[in-house]
Amino acid sequence: MREMFLSRLRVLSSDSRYLKAMYEAMHPDNQDTPCGMTINDYIVEVKPSSYEYVVEIKVSGEKAREFDSLRGALDDILSILSSISKLSIMLK
């Protein structure tokens, strides 16, 4: 039986340039995914002067293996976002 797993990661900030830098760093890699996986990322203004960078990961396939793929993709994305955040703090 084919299952669909979805994960949505949201990063909130009042600095749209900061989120745009995240998007530009992540987006090219998010376009090249394994078979059965799609990653959509985008920035939205949630209210005046408040922005959200959203990363949606969808995986379909066999339960255990595809869930591991989803978890691996999330780990990679969180690691990169953490590095970007730490670098941003250092540069301020």
PDB file of N, CA and C in Angstrom:
ATOM      1  N   MET A   1       0.831  -1.180   0.000  1.00  0.00           N
ATOM      2  CA  MET A   1       0.000   0.000   0.000  1.00  0.00           C
ATOM      3  C   MET A   1       0.882   1.252   0.000  1.00  0.00           C
ATOM      4  N   ARG A   2       0.570   2.178  -0.881  1.00  0.00           N
ATOM      5  CA  ARG A   2       1.350   3.415  -0.964  1.00  0.00           C
ATOM      6  C   ARG A   2       0.790   4.434   0.024  1.00  0.00           C
ATOM      7  N   GLU A   3       1.683   5.016   0.765  1.00  0.00           N
ATOM      8  CA  GLU A   3       1.335   6.018   1.769  1.00  0.00           C
ATOM      9  C   GLU A   3       1.871   7.374   1.326  1.00  0.00           C
ATOM     10  N   MET A   4       1.303   8.425   1.848  1.00  0.00           N
ATOM     11  CA  MET A   4       1.797   9.778   1.602  1.00  0.00           C
ATOM     12  C   MET A   4       2.168  10.385   2.947  1.00  0.00           C
ATOM     13  N   PHE A   5       3.393  10.855   3.037  1.00  0.00           N
ATOM     14  CA  PHE A   5       3.863  11.543   4.235  1.00  0.00           C
ATOM     15  C   PHE A   5       4.083  13.007   3.879  1.00  0.00           C
ATOM     16  N   LEU A   6       3.689  13.878   4.763  1.00  0.00           N
ATOM     17  CA  LEU A   6       3.861  15.309   4.540  1.00  0.00           C
ATOM     18  C   LEU A   6       4.469  15.930   5.785  1.00  0.00           C
ATOM     19  N   SER A   7       5.444  16.777   5.565  1.00  0.00           N
ATOM     20  CA  SER A   7       6.011  17.559   6.659  1.00  0.00           C
ATOM     21  C   SER A   7       6.078  19.005   6.200  1.00  0.00           C
ATOM     22  N   ARG A   8       5.760  19.901   7.104  1.00  0.00           N
ATOM     23  CA  ARG A   8       5.811  21.330   6.786  1.00  0.00           C
ATOM     24  C   ARG A   8       6.677  22.010   7.844  1.00  0.00           C
ATOM     25  N   LEU A   9       7.721  22.653   7.386  1.00  0.00           N
ATOM     26  CA  LEU A   9       8.635  23.389   8.256  1.00  0.00           C
ATOM     27  C   LEU A   9       8.402  24.872   8.018  1.00  0.00           C
ATOM     28  N   ARG A  10       8.228  25.634   9.091  1.00  0.00           N
ATOM     29  CA  ARG A  10       7.962  27.067   8.970  1.00  0.00           C
ATOM     30  C   ARG A  10       8.994  27.847   9.772  1.00  0.00           C
ATOM     31  N   VAL A  11       9.564  28.865   9.136  1.00  0.00           N
ATOM     32  CA  VAL A  11      10.508  29.766   9.794  1.00  0.00           C
ATOM     33  C   VAL A  11       9.902  31.166   9.740  1.00  0.00           C
ATOM     34  N   LEU A  12       9.675  31.757  10.901  1.00  0.00           N
ATOM     35  CA  LEU A  12       9.068  33.089  10.989  1.00  0.00           C
ATOM     36  C   LEU A  12      10.131  34.148  11.249  1.00  0.00           C
ATOM     37  N   SER A  13       9.947  35.319  10.628  1.00  0.00           N
ATOM     38  CA  SER A  13      10.881  36.424  10.849  1.00  0.00           C
ATOM     39  C   SER A  13      10.231  37.737  10.424  1.00  0.00           C
ATOM     40  N   SER A  14      10.677  38.808  11.038  1.00  0.00           N
ATOM     41  CA  SER A  14      10.240  40.133  10.593  1.00  0.00           C
ATOM     42  C   SER A  14      11.157  40.661   9.490  1.00  0.00           C
ATOM     43  N   ASP A  15      12.245  39.944   9.232  1.00  0.00           N
ATOM     44  CA  ASP A  15      13.236  40.357   8.233  1.00  0.00           C
ATOM     45  C   ASP A  15      13.051  39.544   6.948  1.00  0.00           C
ATOM     46  N   SER A  16      12.398  40.136   5.971  1.00  0.00           N
ATOM     47  CA  SER A  16      12.143  39.419   4.715  1.00  0.00           C
ATOM     48  C   SER A  16      13.438  39.102   3.969  1.00  0.00           C
ATOM     49  N   ARG A  17      14.459  39.954   4.114  1.00  0.00           N
ATOM     50  CA  ARG A  17      15.744  39.699   3.440  1.00  0.00           C
ATOM     51  C   ARG A  17      16.412  38.441   3.990  1.00  0.00           C
ATOM     52  N   TYR A  18      16.298  38.245   5.287  1.00  0.00           N
ATOM     53  CA  TYR A  18      16.855  37.053   5.934  1.00  0.00           C
ATOM     54  C   TYR A  18      16.190  35.787   5.384  1.00  0.00           C
ATOM     55  N   LEU A  19      14.856  35.813   5.287  1.00  0.00           N
ATOM     56  CA  LEU A  19      14.139  34.653   4.760  1.00  0.00           C
ATOM     57  C   LEU A  19      14.418  34.461   3.274  1.00  0.00           C
ATOM     58  N   LYS A  20      14.568  35.553   2.541  1.00  0.00           N
ATOM     59  CA  LYS A  20      14.899  35.437   1.113  1.00  0.00           C
ATOM     60  C   LYS A  20      16.269  34.797   0.939  1.00  0.00           C
ATOM     61  N   ALA A  21      17.221  35.132   1.809  1.00  0.00           N
ATOM     62  CA  ALA A  21      18.549  34.509   1.745  1.00  0.00           C
ATOM     63  C   ALA A  21      18.446  33.008   2.015  1.00  0.00           C
ATOM     64  N   MET A  22      17.604  32.624   2.985  1.00  0.00           N
ATOM     65  CA  MET A  22      17.385  31.196   3.249  1.00  0.00           C
ATOM     66  C   MET A  22      16.805  30.511   2.016  1.00  0.00           C
ATOM     67  N   TYR A  23      15.775  31.137   1.458  1.00  0.00           N
ATOM     68  CA  TYR A  23      15.124  30.580   0.276  1.00  0.00           C
ATOM     69  C   TYR A  23      16.122  30.404  -0.865  1.00  0.00           C
ATOM     70  N   GLU A  24      16.910  31.431  -1.132  1.00  0.00           N
ATOM     71  CA  GLU A  24      17.865  31.363  -2.238  1.00  0.00           C
ATOM     72  C   GLU A  24      18.954  30.322  -1.994  1.00  0.00           C
ATOM     73  N   ALA A  25      19.302  30.090  -0.739  1.00  0.00           N
ATOM     74  CA  ALA A  25      20.293  29.059  -0.426  1.00  0.00           C
ATOM     75  C   ALA A  25      19.706  27.657  -0.573  1.00  0.00           C
ATOM     76  N   MET A  26      18.441  27.496  -0.233  1.00  0.00           N
ATOM     77  CA  MET A  26      17.823  26.168  -0.198  1.00  0.00           C
ATOM     78  C   MET A  26      17.134  25.766  -1.504  1.00  0.00           C
ATOM     79  N   HIS A  27      16.513  26.714  -2.173  1.00  0.00           N
ATOM     80  CA  HIS A  27      15.636  26.400  -3.307  1.00  0.00           C
ATOM     81  C   HIS A  27      16.288  25.567  -4.414  1.00  0.00           C
ATOM     82  N   PRO A  28      17.484  25.899  -4.873  1.00  0.00           N
ATOM     83  CA  PRO A  28      18.055  25.080  -5.959  1.00  0.00           C
ATOM     84  C   PRO A  28      18.183  23.594  -5.591  1.00  0.00           C
ATOM     85  N   ASP A  29      18.621  23.306  -4.373  1.00  0.00           N
ATOM     86  CA  ASP A  29      18.748  21.905  -3.950  1.00  0.00           C
ATOM     87  C   ASP A  29      17.392  21.244  -3.768  1.00  0.00           C
ATOM     88  N   ASN A  30      16.389  22.016  -3.400  1.00  0.00           N
ATOM     89  CA  ASN A  30      15.060  21.457  -3.179  1.00  0.00           C
ATOM     90  C   ASN A  30      14.386  21.019  -4.480  1.00  0.00           C
ATOM     91  N   GLN A  31      14.914  21.440  -5.617  1.00  0.00           N
ATOM     92  CA  GLN A  31      14.326  21.067  -6.903  1.00  0.00           C
ATOM     93  C   GLN A  31      14.790  19.695  -7.384  1.00  0.00           C
ATOM     94  N   ASP A  32      15.902  19.217  -6.867  1.00  0.00           N
ATOM     95  CA  ASP A  32      16.473  17.928  -7.279  1.00  0.00           C
ATOM     96  C   ASP A  32      16.233  16.911  -6.166  1.00  0.00           C
ATOM     97  N   THR A  33      15.119  16.173  -6.263  1.00  0.00           N
ATOM     98  CA  THR A  33      14.732  15.242  -5.207  1.00  0.00           C
ATOM     99  C   THR A  33      14.655  13.815  -5.738  1.00  0.00           C
ATOM    100  N   PRO A  34      14.747  12.842  -4.843  1.00  0.00           N
ATOM    101  CA  PRO A  34      14.612  11.446  -5.266  1.00  0.00           C
ATOM    102  C   PRO A  34      13.198  11.161  -5.779  1.00  0.00           C
ATOM    103  N   CYS A  35      13.065  10.090  -6.516  1.00  0.00           N
ATOM    104  CA  CYS A  35      11.765   9.656  -7.030  1.00  0.00           C
ATOM    105  C   CYS A  35      10.795   9.460  -5.861  1.00  0.00           C
ATOM    106  N   GLY A  36       9.588   9.985  -5.997  1.00  0.00           N
ATOM    107  CA  GLY A  36       8.583   9.841  -4.950  1.00  0.00           C
ATOM    108  C   GLY A  36       8.599  10.949  -3.917  1.00  0.00           C
ATOM    109  N   MET A  37       9.538  11.893  -4.051  1.00  0.00           N
ATOM    110  CA  MET A  37       9.626  12.996  -3.086  1.00  0.00           C
ATOM    111  C   MET A  37       9.513  14.320  -3.824  1.00  0.00           C
ATOM    112  N   THR A  38       8.739  15.242  -3.263  1.00  0.00           N
ATOM    113  CA  THR A  38       8.694  16.606  -3.777  1.00  0.00           C
ATOM    114  C   THR A  38       8.917  17.570  -2.617  1.00  0.00           C
ATOM    115  N   ILE A  39       9.624  18.640  -2.900  1.00  0.00           N
ATOM    116  CA  ILE A  39       9.852  19.683  -1.907  1.00  0.00           C
ATOM    117  C   ILE A  39       9.425  21.005  -2.527  1.00  0.00           C
ATOM    118  N   ASN A  40       8.487  21.668  -1.877  1.00  0.00           N
ATOM    119  CA  ASN A  40       8.030  22.993  -2.289  1.00  0.00           C
ATOM    120  C   ASN A  40       8.434  23.974  -1.202  1.00  0.00           C
ATOM    121  N   ASP A  41       9.029  25.076  -1.598  1.00  0.00           N
ATOM    122  CA  ASP A  41       9.382  26.099  -0.619  1.00  0.00           C
ATOM    123  C   ASP A  41       8.990  27.461  -1.160  1.00  0.00           C
ATOM    124  N   TYR A  42       8.562  28.320  -0.238  1.00  0.00           N
ATOM    125  CA  TYR A  42       8.085  29.639  -0.634  1.00  0.00           C
ATOM    126  C   TYR A  42       8.082  30.561   0.583  1.00  0.00           C
ATOM    127  N   ILE A  43       7.980  31.856   0.312  1.00  0.00           N
ATOM    128  CA  ILE A  43       7.901  32.870   1.361  1.00  0.00           C
ATOM    129  C   ILE A  43       6.548  33.562   1.247  1.00  0.00           C
ATOM    130  N   VAL A  44       5.897  33.756   2.391  1.00  0.00           N
ATOM    131  CA  VAL A  44       4.626  34.479   2.420  1.00  0.00           C
ATOM    132  C   VAL A  44       4.684  35.557   3.495  1.00  0.00           C
ATOM    133  N   GLU A  45       3.947  36.629   3.253  1.00  0.00           N
ATOM    134  CA  GLU A  45       3.786  37.660   4.279  1.00  0.00           C
ATOM    135  C   GLU A  45       2.550  37.273   5.077  1.00  0.00           C
ATOM    136  N   VAL A  46       2.725  36.961   6.353  1.00  0.00           N
ATOM    137  CA  VAL A  46       1.598  36.496   7.162  1.00  0.00           C
ATOM    138  C   VAL A  46       0.824  37.654   7.789  1.00  0.00           C
ATOM    139  N   LYS A  47       1.481  38.753   8.002  1.00  0.00           N
ATOM    140  CA  LYS A  47       0.859  40.011   8.427  1.00  0.00           C
ATOM    141  C   LYS A  47       1.881  41.104   8.171  1.00  0.00           C
ATOM    142  N   PRO A  48       1.484  42.359   8.252  1.00  0.00           N
ATOM    143  CA  PRO A  48       2.464  43.417   7.972  1.00  0.00           C
ATOM    144  C   PRO A  48       3.745  43.248   8.801  1.00  0.00           C
ATOM    145  N   SER A  49       4.853  43.259   8.102  1.00  0.00           N
ATOM    146  CA  SER A  49       6.190  43.130   8.714  1.00  0.00           C
ATOM    147  C   SER A  49       6.415  41.799   9.416  1.00  0.00           C
ATOM    148  N   SER A  50       5.729  40.760   8.979  1.00  0.00           N
ATOM    149  CA  SER A  50       5.950  39.412   9.507  1.00  0.00           C
ATOM    150  C   SER A  50       5.892  38.432   8.337  1.00  0.00           C
ATOM    151  N   TYR A  51       6.963  37.676   8.177  1.00  0.00           N
ATOM    152  CA  TYR A  51       7.103  36.803   7.019  1.00  0.00           C
ATOM    153  C   TYR A  51       7.351  35.370   7.469  1.00  0.00           C
ATOM    154  N   GLU A  52       7.079  34.451   6.553  1.00  0.00           N
ATOM    155  CA  GLU A  52       7.236  33.035   6.856  1.00  0.00           C
ATOM    156  C   GLU A  52       7.864  32.331   5.655  1.00  0.00           C
ATOM    157  N   TYR A  53       8.945  31.620   5.903  1.00  0.00           N
ATOM    158  CA  TYR A  53       9.541  30.754   4.885  1.00  0.00           C
ATOM    159  C   TYR A  53       9.010  29.359   5.172  1.00  0.00           C
ATOM    160  N   VAL A  54       8.355  28.767   4.182  1.00  0.00           N
ATOM    161  CA  VAL A  54       7.710  27.469   4.348  1.00  0.00           C
ATOM    162  C   VAL A  54       8.393  26.446   3.446  1.00  0.00           C
ATOM    163  N   VAL A  55       8.708  25.290   4.019  1.00  0.00           N
ATOM    164  CA  VAL A  55       9.248  24.166   3.258  1.00  0.00           C
ATOM    165  C   VAL A  55       8.302  22.992   3.468  1.00  0.00           C
ATOM    166  N   GLU A  56       7.688  22.521   2.384  1.00  0.00           N
ATOM    167  CA  GLU A  56       6.789  21.371   2.445  1.00  0.00           C
ATOM    168  C   GLU A  56       7.461  20.192   1.754  1.00  0.00           C
ATOM    169  N   ILE A  57       7.536  19.077   2.458  1.00  0.00           N
ATOM    170  CA  ILE A  57       8.134  17.861   1.904  1.00  0.00           C
ATOM    171  C   ILE A  57       7.043  16.810   1.818  1.00  0.00           C
ATOM    172  N   LYS A  58       6.842  16.277   0.618  1.00  0.00           N
ATOM    173  CA  LYS A  58       5.864  15.204   0.413  1.00  0.00           C
ATOM    174  C   LYS A  58       6.604  13.978  -0.093  1.00  0.00           C
ATOM    175  N   VAL A  59       6.307  12.845   0.525  1.00  0.00           N
ATOM    176  CA  VAL A  59       6.939  11.589   0.139  1.00  0.00           C
ATOM    177  C   VAL A  59       5.847  10.542   0.001  1.00  0.00           C
ATOM    178  N   SER A  60       5.872   9.808  -1.103  1.00  0.00           N
ATOM    179  CA  SER A  60       4.920   8.712  -1.272  1.00  0.00           C
ATOM    180  C   SER A  60       5.697   7.429  -1.515  1.00  0.00           C
ATOM    181  N   GLY A  61       5.133   6.324  -1.074  1.00  0.00           N
ATOM    182  CA  GLY A  61       5.787   5.035  -1.282  1.00  0.00           C
ATOM    183  C   GLY A  61       5.576   4.098  -0.120  1.00  0.00           C
ATOM    184  N   GLU A  62       6.483   3.151   0.028  1.00  0.00           N
ATOM    185  CA  GLU A  62       6.402   2.177   1.109  1.00  0.00           C
ATOM    186  C   GLU A  62       6.653   2.862   2.442  1.00  0.00           C
ATOM    187  N   LYS A  63       5.968   2.417   3.460  1.00  0.00           N
ATOM    188  CA  LYS A  63       5.962   3.110   4.754  1.00  0.00           C
ATOM    189  C   LYS A  63       7.338   3.401   5.335  1.00  0.00           C
ATOM    190  N   ALA A  64       8.054   2.403   5.748  1.00  0.00           N
ATOM    191  CA  ALA A  64       9.285   2.604   6.523  1.00  0.00           C
ATOM    192  C   ALA A  64      10.364   3.324   5.721  1.00  0.00           C
ATOM    193  N   ARG A  65      10.619   2.863   4.512  1.00  0.00           N
ATOM    194  CA  ARG A  65      11.701   3.441   3.713  1.00  0.00           C
ATOM    195  C   ARG A  65      11.425   4.904   3.382  1.00  0.00           C
ATOM    196  N   GLU A  66      10.203   5.216   2.993  1.00  0.00           N
ATOM    197  CA  GLU A  66       9.881   6.583   2.607  1.00  0.00           C
ATOM    198  C   GLU A  66       9.842   7.510   3.821  1.00  0.00           C
ATOM    199  N   PHE A  67       9.416   6.988   4.964  1.00  0.00           N
ATOM    200  CA  PHE A  67       9.455   7.804   6.175  1.00  0.00           C
ATOM    201  C   PHE A  67      10.897   8.149   6.526  1.00  0.00           C
ATOM    202  N   ASP A  68      11.807   7.194   6.361  1.00  0.00           N
ATOM    203  CA  ASP A  68      13.231   7.461   6.599  1.00  0.00           C
ATOM    204  C   ASP A  68      13.753   8.525   5.634  1.00  0.00           C
ATOM    205  N   SER A  69      13.292   8.497   4.376  1.00  0.00           N
ATOM    206  CA  SER A  69      13.693   9.520   3.400  1.00  0.00           C
ATOM    207  C   SER A  69      13.203  10.896   3.832  1.00  0.00           C
ATOM    208  N   LEU A  70      11.975  10.958   4.316  1.00  0.00           N
ATOM    209  CA  LEU A  70      11.413  12.218   4.795  1.00  0.00           C
ATOM    210  C   LEU A  70      12.209  12.738   5.988  1.00  0.00           C
ATOM    211  N   ARG A  71      12.500  11.864   6.923  1.00  0.00           N
ATOM    212  CA  ARG A  71      13.260  12.263   8.110  1.00  0.00           C
ATOM    213  C   ARG A  71      14.661  12.730   7.722  1.00  0.00           C
ATOM    214  N   GLY A  72      15.290  12.044   6.782  1.00  0.00           N
ATOM    215  CA  GLY A  72      16.619  12.448   6.321  1.00  0.00           C
ATOM    216  C   GLY A  72      16.598  13.815   5.662  1.00  0.00           C
ATOM    217  N   ALA A  73      15.576  14.074   4.841  1.00  0.00           N
ATOM    218  CA  ALA A  73      15.453  15.381   4.189  1.00  0.00           C
ATOM    219  C   ALA A  73      15.242  16.480   5.229  1.00  0.00           C
ATOM    220  N   LEU A  74      14.404  16.211   6.212  1.00  0.00           N
ATOM    221  CA  LEU A  74      14.185  17.193   7.283  1.00  0.00           C
ATOM    222  C   LEU A  74      15.467  17.474   8.054  1.00  0.00           C
ATOM    223  N   ASP A  75      16.205  16.426   8.385  1.00  0.00           N
ATOM    224  CA  ASP A  75      17.477  16.601   9.100  1.00  0.00           C
ATOM    225  C   ASP A  75      18.433  17.479   8.304  1.00  0.00           C
ATOM    226  N   ASP A  76      18.528  17.224   6.995  1.00  0.00           N
ATOM    227  CA  ASP A  76      19.415  18.021   6.140  1.00  0.00           C
ATOM    228  C   ASP A  76      18.988  19.488   6.112  1.00  0.00           C
ATOM    229  N   ILE A  77      17.699  19.720   5.929  1.00  0.00           N
ATOM    230  CA  ILE A  77      17.191  21.089   5.851  1.00  0.00           C
ATOM    231  C   ILE A  77      17.400  21.817   7.175  1.00  0.00           C
ATOM    232  N   LEU A  78      17.090  21.157   8.283  1.00  0.00           N
ATOM    233  CA  LEU A  78      17.277  21.794   9.593  1.00  0.00           C
ATOM    234  C   LEU A  78      18.742  22.111   9.864  1.00  0.00           C
ATOM    235  N   SER A  79      19.628  21.241   9.442  1.00  0.00           N
ATOM    236  CA  SER A  79      21.062  21.475   9.626  1.00  0.00           C
ATOM    237  C   SER A  79      21.518  22.708   8.845  1.00  0.00           C
ATOM    238  N   ILE A  80      21.069  22.820   7.608  1.00  0.00           N
ATOM    239  CA  ILE A  80      21.443  23.968   6.774  1.00  0.00           C
ATOM    240  C   ILE A  80      20.847  25.259   7.334  1.00  0.00           C
ATOM    241  N   LEU A  81      19.571  25.215   7.731  1.00  0.00           N
ATOM    242  CA  LEU A  81      18.942  26.410   8.291  1.00  0.00           C
ATOM    243  C   LEU A  81      19.618  26.833   9.592  1.00  0.00           C
ATOM    244  N   SER A  82      20.040  25.877  10.385  1.00  0.00           N
ATOM    245  CA  SER A  82      20.762  26.185  11.621  1.00  0.00           C
ATOM    246  C   SER A  82      22.082  26.883  11.313  1.00  0.00           C
ATOM    247  N   SER A  83      22.791  26.395  10.309  1.00  0.00           N
ATOM    248  CA  SER A  83      24.060  27.023   9.914  1.00  0.00           C
ATOM    249  C   SER A  83      23.840  28.451   9.422  1.00  0.00           C
ATOM    250  N   ILE A  84      22.802  28.654   8.626  1.00  0.00           N
ATOM    251  CA  ILE A  84      22.487  29.994   8.126  1.00  0.00           C
ATOM    252  C   ILE A  84      22.167  30.924   9.295  1.00  0.00           C
ATOM    253  N   SER A  85      21.391  30.435  10.246  1.00  0.00           N
ATOM    254  CA  SER A  85      21.019  31.243  11.402  1.00  0.00           C
ATOM    255  C   SER A  85      22.241  31.627  12.237  1.00  0.00           C
ATOM    256  N   LYS A  86      23.123  30.672  12.486  1.00  0.00           N
ATOM    257  CA  LYS A  86      24.334  30.945  13.267  1.00  0.00           C
ATOM    258  C   LYS A  86      25.234  31.946  12.543  1.00  0.00           C
ATOM    259  N   LEU A  87      25.364  31.795  11.234  1.00  0.00           N
ATOM    260  CA  LEU A  87      26.178  32.721  10.451  1.00  0.00           C
ATOM    261  C   LEU A  87      25.585  34.128  10.489  1.00  0.00           C
ATOM    262  N   SER A  88      24.278  34.208  10.394  1.00  0.00           N
ATOM    263  CA  SER A  88      23.608  35.505  10.451  1.00  0.00           C
ATOM    264  C   SER A  88      23.871  36.202  11.783  1.00  0.00           C
ATOM    265  N   ILE A  89      23.828  35.458  12.868  1.00  0.00           N
ATOM    266  CA  ILE A  89      24.096  36.029  14.196  1.00  0.00           C
ATOM    267  C   ILE A  89      25.539  36.515  14.280  1.00  0.00           C
ATOM    268  N   MET A  90      26.466  35.743  13.735  1.00  0.00           N
ATOM    269  CA  MET A  90      27.878  36.120  13.771  1.00  0.00           C
ATOM    270  C   MET A  90      28.147  37.392  12.970  1.00  0.00           C
ATOM    271  N   LEU A  91      27.391  37.595  11.885  1.00  0.00           N
ATOM    272  CA  LEU A  91      27.624  38.742  11.009  1.00  0.00           C
ATOM    273  C   LEU A  91      26.973  40.029  11.506  1.00  0.00           C
ATOM    274  N   LYS A  92      26.119  39.931  12.502  1.00  0.00           N
ATOM    275  CA  LYS A  92      25.434  41.140  13.015  1.00  0.00           C
ATOM    276  C   LYS A  92      26.328  41.952  13.899  1.00  0.00           C
TER     277      LYS A  92
END
